[in-house]
N, C-alpha and C. Protein backbone atom coordinates (compact mmCIF):
# COMPACT_ATOMS: atom_id res chain seq x y z
N MET A 1 -0.23 5.89 -61.95
CA MET A 1 -0.28 6.02 -60.51
C MET A 1 -0.98 4.81 -59.90
N ALA A 2 -0.33 4.17 -58.96
CA ALA A 2 -0.94 3.03 -58.27
C ALA A 2 -1.93 3.56 -57.24
N ARG A 3 -2.78 2.69 -56.72
CA ARG A 3 -3.76 3.13 -55.72
C ARG A 3 -3.03 3.59 -54.46
N TYR A 4 -3.45 4.71 -53.89
CA TYR A 4 -2.76 5.32 -52.75
C TYR A 4 -2.97 4.49 -51.49
N ILE A 5 -1.85 4.15 -50.82
CA ILE A 5 -1.94 3.39 -49.56
C ILE A 5 -1.16 4.08 -48.45
N GLY A 6 -0.80 5.35 -48.68
CA GLY A 6 -0.03 6.10 -47.70
C GLY A 6 -0.90 6.70 -46.60
N PRO A 7 -0.34 7.68 -45.85
CA PRO A 7 -1.08 8.30 -44.74
C PRO A 7 -2.34 9.03 -45.21
N LYS A 8 -3.47 8.65 -44.66
CA LYS A 8 -4.75 9.23 -45.08
C LYS A 8 -4.89 10.68 -44.61
N SER A 9 -4.33 10.99 -43.45
CA SER A 9 -4.43 12.36 -42.93
C SER A 9 -3.74 13.35 -43.84
N LYS A 10 -2.65 12.91 -44.47
CA LYS A 10 -1.91 13.79 -45.38
C LYS A 10 -2.77 14.20 -46.56
N ILE A 11 -3.54 13.25 -47.08
CA ILE A 11 -4.43 13.53 -48.21
C ILE A 11 -5.60 14.41 -47.75
N ALA A 12 -6.14 14.12 -46.57
CA ALA A 12 -7.24 14.94 -46.04
C ALA A 12 -6.78 16.38 -45.87
N ARG A 13 -5.56 16.58 -45.38
CA ARG A 13 -5.02 17.94 -45.20
C ARG A 13 -4.77 18.61 -46.55
N LYS A 14 -4.38 17.84 -47.54
CA LYS A 14 -4.13 18.39 -48.87
C LYS A 14 -5.39 19.04 -49.44
N PHE A 15 -6.54 18.40 -49.20
CA PHE A 15 -7.80 18.90 -49.73
C PHE A 15 -8.62 19.67 -48.69
N SER A 16 -8.09 19.78 -47.46
CA SER A 16 -8.80 20.46 -46.36
C SER A 16 -10.20 19.89 -46.17
N ASP A 17 -10.30 18.56 -46.28
CA ASP A 17 -11.60 17.90 -46.19
C ASP A 17 -11.38 16.47 -45.68
N PRO A 18 -12.12 16.04 -44.65
CA PRO A 18 -11.94 14.68 -44.11
C PRO A 18 -12.53 13.62 -45.05
N ILE A 19 -11.89 13.42 -46.20
CA ILE A 19 -12.47 12.53 -47.22
C ILE A 19 -12.47 11.06 -46.81
N TYR A 20 -11.67 10.71 -45.79
CA TYR A 20 -11.65 9.32 -45.32
C TYR A 20 -12.40 9.16 -44.00
N GLY A 21 -13.19 10.17 -43.63
CA GLY A 21 -13.92 10.10 -42.37
C GLY A 21 -13.32 11.05 -41.34
N PRO A 22 -13.88 11.09 -40.12
CA PRO A 22 -13.39 11.98 -39.06
C PRO A 22 -11.87 11.85 -38.88
N ASP A 23 -11.20 12.99 -38.78
CA ASP A 23 -9.74 12.99 -38.74
C ASP A 23 -9.24 14.01 -37.72
N LYS A 24 -8.72 13.51 -36.58
CA LYS A 24 -8.27 14.42 -35.52
C LYS A 24 -7.04 15.22 -35.94
N PHE A 25 -6.21 14.65 -36.83
CA PHE A 25 -5.03 15.36 -37.29
C PHE A 25 -5.41 16.54 -38.18
N LEU A 26 -6.48 16.40 -38.97
CA LEU A 26 -6.95 17.49 -39.81
C LEU A 26 -7.47 18.63 -38.95
N GLU A 27 -8.12 18.27 -37.84
CA GLU A 27 -8.64 19.30 -36.94
C GLU A 27 -7.50 20.09 -36.29
N LYS A 28 -6.40 19.40 -35.96
CA LYS A 28 -5.26 20.06 -35.33
C LYS A 28 -4.46 20.87 -36.34
N LYS A 29 -4.28 20.31 -37.53
CA LYS A 29 -3.46 20.96 -38.56
C LYS A 29 -4.29 21.18 -39.82
N ASN A 30 -5.14 22.20 -39.77
CA ASN A 30 -6.03 22.46 -40.91
C ASN A 30 -5.33 23.32 -41.96
N PHE A 31 -4.21 22.80 -42.45
CA PHE A 31 -3.47 23.46 -43.53
C PHE A 31 -2.74 22.38 -44.30
N PRO A 32 -2.41 22.63 -45.58
CA PRO A 32 -1.79 21.60 -46.42
C PRO A 32 -0.46 21.12 -45.85
N PRO A 33 -0.11 19.84 -46.07
CA PRO A 33 1.17 19.32 -45.59
C PRO A 33 2.32 19.92 -46.38
N GLY A 34 3.48 19.92 -45.80
CA GLY A 34 4.65 20.47 -46.50
C GLY A 34 5.75 20.82 -45.53
N GLN A 35 6.94 21.07 -46.03
CA GLN A 35 8.12 21.30 -45.20
C GLN A 35 7.96 22.49 -44.26
N HIS A 36 7.30 23.55 -44.74
CA HIS A 36 7.21 24.76 -43.93
C HIS A 36 5.85 24.95 -43.28
N GLY A 37 5.00 23.96 -43.41
CA GLY A 37 3.72 23.97 -42.72
C GLY A 37 2.85 25.17 -43.00
N ALA A 38 2.23 25.69 -41.95
CA ALA A 38 1.27 26.78 -42.10
C ALA A 38 1.93 28.09 -42.49
N ASN A 39 3.25 28.22 -42.26
CA ASN A 39 3.95 29.47 -42.55
C ASN A 39 4.31 29.64 -44.02
N LYS A 40 4.18 28.57 -44.80
CA LYS A 40 4.56 28.64 -46.21
C LYS A 40 3.62 29.55 -46.99
N LYS A 41 4.20 30.44 -47.78
CA LYS A 41 3.39 31.31 -48.63
C LYS A 41 2.89 30.50 -49.82
N ARG A 42 1.59 30.47 -49.98
CA ARG A 42 1.02 29.63 -51.04
C ARG A 42 0.45 30.51 -52.15
N ARG A 43 0.87 30.20 -53.36
CA ARG A 43 0.40 30.97 -54.50
C ARG A 43 -1.08 30.73 -54.76
N LYS A 44 -1.72 31.75 -55.30
CA LYS A 44 -3.13 31.62 -55.65
C LYS A 44 -3.28 30.58 -56.75
N GLN A 45 -4.23 29.65 -56.55
CA GLN A 45 -4.43 28.58 -57.53
C GLN A 45 -5.08 29.11 -58.80
N SER A 46 -4.65 28.56 -59.93
CA SER A 46 -5.27 28.90 -61.20
C SER A 46 -6.60 28.16 -61.32
N GLU A 47 -7.39 28.55 -62.29
CA GLU A 47 -8.67 27.88 -62.53
C GLU A 47 -8.43 26.40 -62.84
N TYR A 48 -7.40 26.13 -63.65
CA TYR A 48 -7.07 24.74 -63.99
C TYR A 48 -6.65 23.97 -62.74
N GLY A 49 -5.87 24.63 -61.87
CA GLY A 49 -5.41 23.97 -60.64
C GLY A 49 -6.57 23.59 -59.73
N ILE A 50 -7.56 24.47 -59.64
CA ILE A 50 -8.73 24.19 -58.80
C ILE A 50 -9.52 23.01 -59.36
N GLN A 51 -9.68 22.99 -60.70
CA GLN A 51 -10.42 21.90 -61.35
C GLN A 51 -9.68 20.57 -61.19
N LEU A 52 -8.36 20.62 -61.37
CA LEU A 52 -7.55 19.40 -61.24
C LEU A 52 -7.61 18.86 -59.82
N GLN A 53 -7.56 19.75 -58.84
CA GLN A 53 -7.61 19.33 -57.43
C GLN A 53 -8.94 18.65 -57.11
N GLU A 54 -10.02 19.16 -57.70
CA GLU A 54 -11.34 18.57 -57.45
C GLU A 54 -11.42 17.16 -58.03
N LYS A 55 -10.82 16.96 -59.21
CA LYS A 55 -10.79 15.63 -59.81
C LYS A 55 -9.97 14.67 -58.94
N GLN A 56 -8.80 15.14 -58.48
CA GLN A 56 -7.95 14.30 -57.64
C GLN A 56 -8.66 13.95 -56.34
N LYS A 57 -9.38 14.90 -55.80
CA LYS A 57 -10.14 14.67 -54.57
C LYS A 57 -11.16 13.55 -54.76
N ALA A 58 -11.87 13.60 -55.89
CA ALA A 58 -12.87 12.56 -56.19
C ALA A 58 -12.20 11.20 -56.36
N LYS A 59 -11.05 11.19 -57.04
CA LYS A 59 -10.33 9.92 -57.27
C LYS A 59 -9.86 9.31 -55.95
N TYR A 60 -9.31 10.14 -55.06
CA TYR A 60 -8.85 9.64 -53.76
C TYR A 60 -10.03 9.18 -52.91
N THR A 61 -11.13 9.95 -52.94
CA THR A 61 -12.31 9.60 -52.14
C THR A 61 -12.84 8.22 -52.49
N TYR A 62 -12.96 7.95 -53.78
CA TYR A 62 -13.55 6.68 -54.23
C TYR A 62 -12.51 5.61 -54.55
N GLY A 63 -11.22 5.96 -54.50
CA GLY A 63 -10.17 4.98 -54.76
C GLY A 63 -10.14 4.51 -56.20
N ILE A 64 -10.26 5.47 -57.15
CA ILE A 64 -10.30 5.14 -58.57
C ILE A 64 -9.06 5.69 -59.27
N LEU A 65 -8.49 4.90 -60.15
CA LEU A 65 -7.32 5.34 -60.90
C LEU A 65 -7.75 6.20 -62.10
N GLU A 66 -6.78 6.90 -62.69
CA GLU A 66 -7.06 7.87 -63.74
C GLU A 66 -7.79 7.27 -64.95
N LYS A 67 -7.29 6.14 -65.45
CA LYS A 67 -7.91 5.54 -66.64
C LYS A 67 -9.35 5.14 -66.37
N GLN A 68 -9.60 4.54 -65.20
CA GLN A 68 -10.96 4.15 -64.83
C GLN A 68 -11.85 5.38 -64.72
N PHE A 69 -11.32 6.42 -64.10
CA PHE A 69 -12.09 7.64 -63.88
C PHE A 69 -12.49 8.28 -65.21
N ARG A 70 -11.53 8.32 -66.13
CA ARG A 70 -11.79 8.91 -67.44
C ARG A 70 -12.86 8.10 -68.20
N ASN A 71 -12.79 6.77 -68.09
CA ASN A 71 -13.77 5.92 -68.75
C ASN A 71 -15.18 6.13 -68.20
N VAL A 72 -15.26 6.31 -66.85
CA VAL A 72 -16.57 6.56 -66.24
C VAL A 72 -17.10 7.91 -66.70
N PHE A 73 -16.20 8.90 -66.82
CA PHE A 73 -16.63 10.22 -67.29
C PHE A 73 -17.19 10.14 -68.71
N LYS A 74 -16.51 9.39 -69.59
CA LYS A 74 -16.98 9.24 -70.97
C LYS A 74 -18.38 8.62 -70.99
N LYS A 75 -18.57 7.62 -70.14
CA LYS A 75 -19.88 6.96 -70.06
C LYS A 75 -20.94 7.94 -69.55
N ALA A 76 -20.56 8.75 -68.56
CA ALA A 76 -21.49 9.73 -67.98
C ALA A 76 -21.88 10.79 -69.00
N SER A 77 -20.92 11.18 -69.83
CA SER A 77 -21.19 12.24 -70.82
C SER A 77 -22.12 11.76 -71.94
N ARG A 78 -22.20 10.43 -72.13
CA ARG A 78 -23.07 9.88 -73.16
C ARG A 78 -24.51 9.70 -72.67
N LYS A 79 -24.69 9.72 -71.34
CA LYS A 79 -26.03 9.53 -70.78
C LYS A 79 -26.83 10.83 -70.80
N LYS A 80 -28.13 10.71 -70.80
CA LYS A 80 -28.99 11.88 -70.73
C LYS A 80 -28.89 12.50 -69.33
N GLY A 81 -29.08 13.81 -69.27
CA GLY A 81 -29.04 14.47 -67.98
C GLY A 81 -27.77 15.28 -67.78
N ILE A 82 -27.53 15.67 -66.53
CA ILE A 82 -26.37 16.50 -66.19
C ILE A 82 -25.14 15.61 -66.05
N THR A 83 -24.11 15.89 -66.82
CA THR A 83 -22.92 15.02 -66.87
C THR A 83 -22.28 14.83 -65.50
N GLY A 84 -22.13 15.92 -64.75
CA GLY A 84 -21.49 15.83 -63.43
C GLY A 84 -22.25 14.92 -62.49
N GLU A 85 -23.58 15.05 -62.48
CA GLU A 85 -24.40 14.20 -61.62
C GLU A 85 -24.35 12.75 -62.10
N ASN A 86 -24.38 12.56 -63.42
CA ASN A 86 -24.28 11.21 -63.97
C ASN A 86 -22.97 10.55 -63.55
N LEU A 87 -21.89 11.34 -63.52
CA LEU A 87 -20.58 10.83 -63.13
C LEU A 87 -20.62 10.27 -61.71
N LEU A 88 -21.15 11.06 -60.78
CA LEU A 88 -21.20 10.62 -59.38
C LEU A 88 -22.14 9.42 -59.21
N LYS A 89 -23.24 9.41 -59.96
CA LYS A 89 -24.18 8.29 -59.85
C LYS A 89 -23.54 6.98 -60.33
N LEU A 90 -22.79 7.05 -61.42
CA LEU A 90 -22.11 5.85 -61.95
C LEU A 90 -21.03 5.36 -60.98
N ILE A 91 -20.32 6.30 -60.37
CA ILE A 91 -19.28 5.91 -59.39
C ILE A 91 -19.93 5.28 -58.17
N GLU A 92 -21.07 5.85 -57.73
CA GLU A 92 -21.77 5.31 -56.57
C GLU A 92 -22.30 3.90 -56.84
N ALA A 93 -22.51 3.57 -58.12
CA ALA A 93 -23.04 2.25 -58.48
C ALA A 93 -21.96 1.18 -58.56
N ARG A 94 -20.69 1.56 -58.33
CA ARG A 94 -19.62 0.57 -58.30
C ARG A 94 -19.84 -0.40 -57.14
N LEU A 95 -19.48 -1.66 -57.33
CA LEU A 95 -19.70 -2.67 -56.31
C LEU A 95 -18.99 -2.34 -55.00
N ASP A 96 -17.72 -1.90 -55.07
CA ASP A 96 -16.99 -1.62 -53.83
C ASP A 96 -17.66 -0.49 -53.04
N ASN A 97 -18.17 0.53 -53.75
CA ASN A 97 -18.83 1.63 -53.06
C ASN A 97 -20.13 1.19 -52.41
N VAL A 98 -20.91 0.35 -53.09
CA VAL A 98 -22.19 -0.10 -52.54
C VAL A 98 -21.97 -1.02 -51.33
N VAL A 99 -20.93 -1.85 -51.39
CA VAL A 99 -20.59 -2.69 -50.23
C VAL A 99 -20.27 -1.80 -49.03
N PHE A 100 -19.58 -0.70 -49.27
CA PHE A 100 -19.27 0.28 -48.22
C PHE A 100 -20.54 0.96 -47.73
N ARG A 101 -21.38 1.41 -48.66
CA ARG A 101 -22.61 2.11 -48.28
C ARG A 101 -23.57 1.23 -47.48
N LEU A 102 -23.59 -0.07 -47.80
CA LEU A 102 -24.47 -1.00 -47.08
C LEU A 102 -23.96 -1.29 -45.67
N GLY A 103 -22.70 -0.92 -45.40
CA GLY A 103 -22.14 -1.14 -44.07
C GLY A 103 -21.45 -2.48 -43.91
N ILE A 104 -21.29 -3.23 -45.01
CA ILE A 104 -20.61 -4.53 -44.96
C ILE A 104 -19.13 -4.33 -44.65
N ALA A 105 -18.59 -3.20 -45.05
CA ALA A 105 -17.20 -2.83 -44.75
C ALA A 105 -17.19 -1.40 -44.23
N PRO A 106 -16.28 -1.07 -43.30
CA PRO A 106 -16.25 0.28 -42.72
C PRO A 106 -15.64 1.34 -43.63
N THR A 107 -14.87 0.92 -44.62
CA THR A 107 -14.24 1.85 -45.55
C THR A 107 -14.33 1.30 -46.98
N ARG A 108 -14.08 2.17 -47.95
CA ARG A 108 -14.10 1.70 -49.34
C ARG A 108 -12.91 0.78 -49.60
N ALA A 109 -11.78 1.05 -48.97
CA ALA A 109 -10.60 0.18 -49.13
C ALA A 109 -10.92 -1.21 -48.58
N GLY A 110 -11.62 -1.26 -47.45
CA GLY A 110 -12.02 -2.54 -46.87
C GLY A 110 -13.02 -3.25 -47.76
N ALA A 111 -13.90 -2.48 -48.38
CA ALA A 111 -14.89 -3.07 -49.30
C ALA A 111 -14.20 -3.68 -50.51
N ARG A 112 -13.20 -2.98 -51.05
CA ARG A 112 -12.46 -3.51 -52.20
C ARG A 112 -11.78 -4.84 -51.84
N GLN A 113 -11.26 -4.90 -50.62
CA GLN A 113 -10.59 -6.13 -50.19
C GLN A 113 -11.58 -7.29 -50.08
N LEU A 114 -12.76 -7.02 -49.54
CA LEU A 114 -13.78 -8.07 -49.43
C LEU A 114 -14.19 -8.58 -50.81
N VAL A 115 -14.34 -7.65 -51.74
CA VAL A 115 -14.74 -8.03 -53.10
C VAL A 115 -13.64 -8.86 -53.76
N SER A 116 -12.40 -8.38 -53.70
CA SER A 116 -11.30 -9.08 -54.37
C SER A 116 -11.00 -10.44 -53.74
N HIS A 117 -11.34 -10.60 -52.46
CA HIS A 117 -11.13 -11.89 -51.78
C HIS A 117 -12.33 -12.82 -51.89
N ARG A 118 -13.28 -12.44 -52.75
CA ARG A 118 -14.41 -13.29 -53.11
C ARG A 118 -15.39 -13.55 -51.95
N HIS A 119 -15.62 -12.53 -51.15
CA HIS A 119 -16.58 -12.64 -50.06
C HIS A 119 -17.96 -12.10 -50.43
N ILE A 120 -18.06 -11.44 -51.60
CA ILE A 120 -19.29 -10.74 -51.99
C ILE A 120 -19.92 -11.38 -53.23
N THR A 121 -21.25 -11.45 -53.21
CA THR A 121 -21.98 -12.00 -54.36
C THR A 121 -22.90 -10.93 -54.95
N VAL A 122 -23.17 -11.07 -56.23
CA VAL A 122 -24.17 -10.22 -56.91
C VAL A 122 -25.15 -11.16 -57.60
N ASN A 123 -26.39 -11.07 -57.19
CA ASN A 123 -27.44 -11.96 -57.72
C ASN A 123 -27.08 -13.43 -57.56
N GLY A 124 -26.44 -13.75 -56.42
CA GLY A 124 -26.12 -15.14 -56.10
C GLY A 124 -24.79 -15.65 -56.60
N SER A 125 -24.11 -14.89 -57.45
CA SER A 125 -22.82 -15.33 -58.00
C SER A 125 -21.69 -14.47 -57.44
N VAL A 126 -20.58 -15.12 -57.12
CA VAL A 126 -19.42 -14.39 -56.58
C VAL A 126 -18.88 -13.45 -57.66
N VAL A 127 -18.65 -12.19 -57.26
CA VAL A 127 -18.03 -11.19 -58.15
C VAL A 127 -16.82 -10.62 -57.42
N ASN A 128 -15.64 -10.70 -58.06
CA ASN A 128 -14.42 -10.22 -57.41
C ASN A 128 -13.82 -9.00 -58.12
N ILE A 129 -14.66 -8.27 -58.83
CA ILE A 129 -14.22 -7.07 -59.54
C ILE A 129 -14.80 -5.85 -58.83
N SER A 130 -13.95 -5.07 -58.19
CA SER A 130 -14.41 -3.92 -57.39
C SER A 130 -15.16 -2.89 -58.21
N SER A 131 -14.74 -2.72 -59.46
CA SER A 131 -15.36 -1.69 -60.31
C SER A 131 -16.63 -2.18 -61.00
N TYR A 132 -17.07 -3.39 -60.68
CA TYR A 132 -18.29 -3.94 -61.30
C TYR A 132 -19.43 -2.94 -61.14
N SER A 133 -20.10 -2.62 -62.25
CA SER A 133 -21.16 -1.63 -62.24
C SER A 133 -22.52 -2.29 -62.01
N LEU A 134 -23.16 -1.93 -60.92
CA LEU A 134 -24.45 -2.54 -60.57
C LEU A 134 -25.59 -1.92 -61.35
N ARG A 135 -26.63 -2.72 -61.54
CA ARG A 135 -27.84 -2.24 -62.22
C ARG A 135 -28.99 -2.24 -61.23
N GLU A 136 -30.00 -1.45 -61.53
CA GLU A 136 -31.16 -1.37 -60.65
C GLU A 136 -31.77 -2.76 -60.45
N GLY A 137 -31.99 -3.10 -59.18
CA GLY A 137 -32.58 -4.40 -58.86
C GLY A 137 -31.57 -5.47 -58.49
N ASP A 138 -30.28 -5.21 -58.69
CA ASP A 138 -29.25 -6.19 -58.34
C ASP A 138 -29.22 -6.45 -56.83
N ILE A 139 -28.99 -7.71 -56.47
CA ILE A 139 -28.92 -8.12 -55.07
C ILE A 139 -27.45 -8.33 -54.69
N ILE A 140 -26.99 -7.61 -53.69
CA ILE A 140 -25.60 -7.72 -53.22
C ILE A 140 -25.61 -8.44 -51.88
N GLY A 141 -24.90 -9.54 -51.79
CA GLY A 141 -24.91 -10.31 -50.56
C GLY A 141 -23.53 -10.73 -50.10
N VAL A 142 -23.49 -11.26 -48.89
CA VAL A 142 -22.25 -11.82 -48.34
C VAL A 142 -22.27 -13.32 -48.61
N ARG A 143 -21.18 -13.82 -49.13
CA ARG A 143 -21.08 -15.26 -49.44
C ARG A 143 -21.36 -16.08 -48.19
N GLU A 144 -22.05 -17.20 -48.34
CA GLU A 144 -22.51 -17.99 -47.20
C GLU A 144 -21.40 -18.29 -46.20
N ARG A 145 -20.24 -18.75 -46.68
CA ARG A 145 -19.17 -19.14 -45.76
C ARG A 145 -18.42 -17.93 -45.19
N SER A 146 -18.77 -16.72 -45.66
CA SER A 146 -18.11 -15.51 -45.17
C SER A 146 -18.96 -14.74 -44.16
N LYS A 147 -20.19 -15.20 -43.91
CA LYS A 147 -21.11 -14.47 -43.05
C LYS A 147 -20.66 -14.38 -41.60
N SER A 148 -19.78 -15.28 -41.19
CA SER A 148 -19.31 -15.26 -39.80
C SER A 148 -17.99 -14.48 -39.64
N LEU A 149 -17.49 -13.92 -40.72
CA LEU A 149 -16.23 -13.17 -40.64
C LEU A 149 -16.38 -12.00 -39.67
N LEU A 150 -15.44 -11.88 -38.73
CA LEU A 150 -15.50 -10.85 -37.70
C LEU A 150 -15.50 -9.45 -38.31
N ALA A 151 -14.70 -9.24 -39.35
CA ALA A 151 -14.62 -7.92 -39.98
C ALA A 151 -15.97 -7.48 -40.52
N ILE A 152 -16.73 -8.44 -41.05
CA ILE A 152 -18.05 -8.12 -41.63
C ILE A 152 -19.09 -7.91 -40.53
N THR A 153 -19.13 -8.80 -39.56
CA THR A 153 -20.14 -8.69 -38.49
C THR A 153 -19.93 -7.42 -37.66
N GLU A 154 -18.68 -7.08 -37.38
CA GLU A 154 -18.40 -5.87 -36.60
C GLU A 154 -18.78 -4.61 -37.38
N SER A 155 -18.51 -4.62 -38.69
CA SER A 155 -18.84 -3.48 -39.52
C SER A 155 -20.35 -3.27 -39.58
N LEU A 156 -21.09 -4.36 -39.73
CA LEU A 156 -22.55 -4.27 -39.80
C LEU A 156 -23.15 -3.79 -38.48
N GLU A 157 -22.56 -4.23 -37.37
CA GLU A 157 -23.04 -3.80 -36.05
C GLU A 157 -22.82 -2.31 -35.85
N GLY A 158 -21.72 -1.79 -36.39
CA GLY A 158 -21.40 -0.38 -36.20
C GLY A 158 -21.98 0.54 -37.25
N SER A 159 -22.66 -0.03 -38.23
CA SER A 159 -23.20 0.77 -39.33
C SER A 159 -24.54 1.39 -38.93
N GLY A 160 -24.62 2.71 -39.07
CA GLY A 160 -25.87 3.38 -38.72
C GLY A 160 -26.46 4.18 -39.85
N LYS A 161 -25.78 4.20 -40.99
CA LYS A 161 -26.24 5.00 -42.12
C LYS A 161 -27.19 4.20 -43.01
N HIS A 162 -28.24 4.86 -43.47
CA HIS A 162 -29.18 4.21 -44.37
C HIS A 162 -29.46 5.15 -45.54
N PHE A 163 -29.59 4.59 -46.72
CA PHE A 163 -29.83 5.38 -47.92
C PHE A 163 -31.10 4.88 -48.61
N SER A 164 -31.89 5.82 -49.12
CA SER A 164 -33.18 5.45 -49.72
C SER A 164 -33.03 4.60 -50.97
N TRP A 165 -31.87 4.65 -51.61
CA TRP A 165 -31.66 3.93 -52.85
C TRP A 165 -31.07 2.52 -52.63
N LEU A 166 -30.92 2.17 -51.34
CA LEU A 166 -30.42 0.83 -50.99
C LEU A 166 -31.34 0.20 -49.95
N GLU A 167 -31.52 -1.11 -50.07
CA GLU A 167 -32.28 -1.86 -49.06
C GLU A 167 -31.35 -2.87 -48.43
N TRP A 168 -31.53 -3.15 -47.13
CA TRP A 168 -30.68 -4.13 -46.47
C TRP A 168 -31.53 -5.09 -45.65
N ASP A 169 -31.25 -6.39 -45.77
CA ASP A 169 -31.93 -7.43 -45.01
C ASP A 169 -30.91 -8.04 -44.05
N ASP A 170 -31.07 -7.73 -42.75
CA ASP A 170 -30.11 -8.21 -41.74
C ASP A 170 -30.07 -9.73 -41.67
N GLU A 171 -31.23 -10.33 -41.76
CA GLU A 171 -31.32 -11.79 -41.60
C GLU A 171 -30.59 -12.53 -42.72
N LYS A 172 -30.79 -12.09 -43.94
CA LYS A 172 -30.16 -12.74 -45.10
C LYS A 172 -28.76 -12.19 -45.38
N MET A 173 -28.42 -11.07 -44.73
CA MET A 173 -27.15 -10.38 -44.96
C MET A 173 -26.97 -10.07 -46.45
N GLN A 174 -27.98 -9.42 -46.98
CA GLN A 174 -27.92 -9.01 -48.38
C GLN A 174 -28.70 -7.71 -48.58
N GLY A 175 -28.28 -6.97 -49.59
CA GLY A 175 -28.92 -5.70 -49.87
C GLY A 175 -29.37 -5.64 -51.32
N LYS A 176 -30.16 -4.62 -51.61
CA LYS A 176 -30.67 -4.45 -52.98
C LYS A 176 -30.34 -3.04 -53.46
N PHE A 177 -29.77 -2.98 -54.67
CA PHE A 177 -29.50 -1.70 -55.31
C PHE A 177 -30.78 -1.27 -56.01
N MET A 178 -31.53 -0.38 -55.38
CA MET A 178 -32.86 0.00 -55.87
C MET A 178 -32.79 0.86 -57.13
N ASN A 179 -31.96 1.89 -57.06
CA ASN A 179 -31.83 2.82 -58.19
C ASN A 179 -30.57 3.67 -57.99
N TYR A 180 -30.22 4.42 -59.03
CA TYR A 180 -29.08 5.33 -58.90
C TYR A 180 -29.45 6.42 -57.90
N PRO A 181 -28.53 6.81 -57.05
CA PRO A 181 -28.87 7.79 -56.00
C PRO A 181 -29.07 9.19 -56.55
N PRO A 182 -30.04 9.93 -56.01
CA PRO A 182 -30.19 11.34 -56.39
C PRO A 182 -28.99 12.11 -55.82
N ARG A 183 -28.58 13.17 -56.51
CA ARG A 183 -27.38 13.93 -56.10
C ARG A 183 -27.44 14.38 -54.65
N GLU A 184 -28.62 14.81 -54.19
CA GLU A 184 -28.72 15.33 -52.82
C GLU A 184 -28.48 14.26 -51.75
N GLU A 185 -28.50 12.97 -52.14
CA GLU A 185 -28.27 11.91 -51.17
C GLU A 185 -26.84 11.37 -51.22
N ILE A 186 -26.01 11.97 -52.05
CA ILE A 186 -24.59 11.59 -52.08
C ILE A 186 -23.87 12.56 -51.15
N PRO A 187 -23.41 12.09 -49.98
CA PRO A 187 -22.88 12.99 -48.96
C PRO A 187 -21.50 13.58 -49.23
N GLU A 188 -20.76 13.04 -50.19
CA GLU A 188 -19.40 13.51 -50.43
C GLU A 188 -19.38 14.97 -50.90
N ASN A 189 -18.44 15.72 -50.36
CA ASN A 189 -18.29 17.14 -50.69
C ASN A 189 -17.46 17.30 -51.96
N ILE A 190 -18.08 17.00 -53.09
CA ILE A 190 -17.38 17.07 -54.39
C ILE A 190 -18.13 18.02 -55.32
N LYS A 191 -17.38 18.96 -55.90
CA LYS A 191 -17.97 19.90 -56.86
C LYS A 191 -17.78 19.31 -58.26
N GLU A 192 -18.72 18.49 -58.65
CA GLU A 192 -18.59 17.71 -59.88
C GLU A 192 -18.51 18.58 -61.14
N GLN A 193 -19.10 19.80 -61.08
CA GLN A 193 -19.08 20.67 -62.26
C GLN A 193 -17.65 21.08 -62.62
N LEU A 194 -16.79 21.21 -61.61
CA LEU A 194 -15.38 21.55 -61.86
C LEU A 194 -14.69 20.43 -62.63
N ILE A 195 -15.06 19.18 -62.35
CA ILE A 195 -14.48 18.03 -63.04
C ILE A 195 -14.93 18.01 -64.50
N VAL A 196 -16.20 18.34 -64.71
CA VAL A 196 -16.74 18.40 -66.07
C VAL A 196 -16.01 19.48 -66.88
N GLU A 197 -15.79 20.63 -66.25
CA GLU A 197 -15.09 21.73 -66.93
C GLU A 197 -13.65 21.33 -67.27
N LEU A 198 -13.01 20.58 -66.39
CA LEU A 198 -11.63 20.13 -66.63
C LEU A 198 -11.55 19.22 -67.85
N TYR A 199 -12.46 18.23 -67.91
CA TYR A 199 -12.44 17.28 -69.01
C TYR A 199 -12.97 17.88 -70.32
N SER A 200 -13.66 19.01 -70.22
CA SER A 200 -14.21 19.64 -71.42
C SER A 200 -13.21 20.51 -72.16
N LYS A 201 -12.03 20.70 -71.56
CA LYS A 201 -11.03 21.58 -72.18
C LYS A 201 -10.37 20.91 -73.37
């Protein structure tokens, strides 16, 4: 499966959750998409179906493909602690996600584009791999010649979210990955235990 670039509202309606941010279409049509709309009789989901849907929801939310997602899960299962929480922490430590969290880009898709177009640095060196896994203490910055880009300056001006596990310096246009985020500070509505149960079968 290639990365999804279709209508975002359709995916939000599929999961009944605004995973790409506020969605007026989801508010109007709070039922899954389909030919017969809200009138369609929907079968009760199996336990496997519920677990699979939660995994798909996480993949769409963070823009991760199946192979990458499975690899992150394997890494999470080898770490000490709760596997589900480890999974979300490792995903949150991806470079594209941190660029989004810092407000350098308004969406994760926009963050991936900035990274792949070589606008982002890690510890002073350009990194163009969106899935790059950050370590505690890493410095994420905007490349010097990219600091005047309208897309970046507008995103930073409109960013109002702050996270305790990230630091941001407006003057230098760079942030610091302090530590892996605690589960309670990850705002995404994902039931990670269902994903663990799915992969444990």
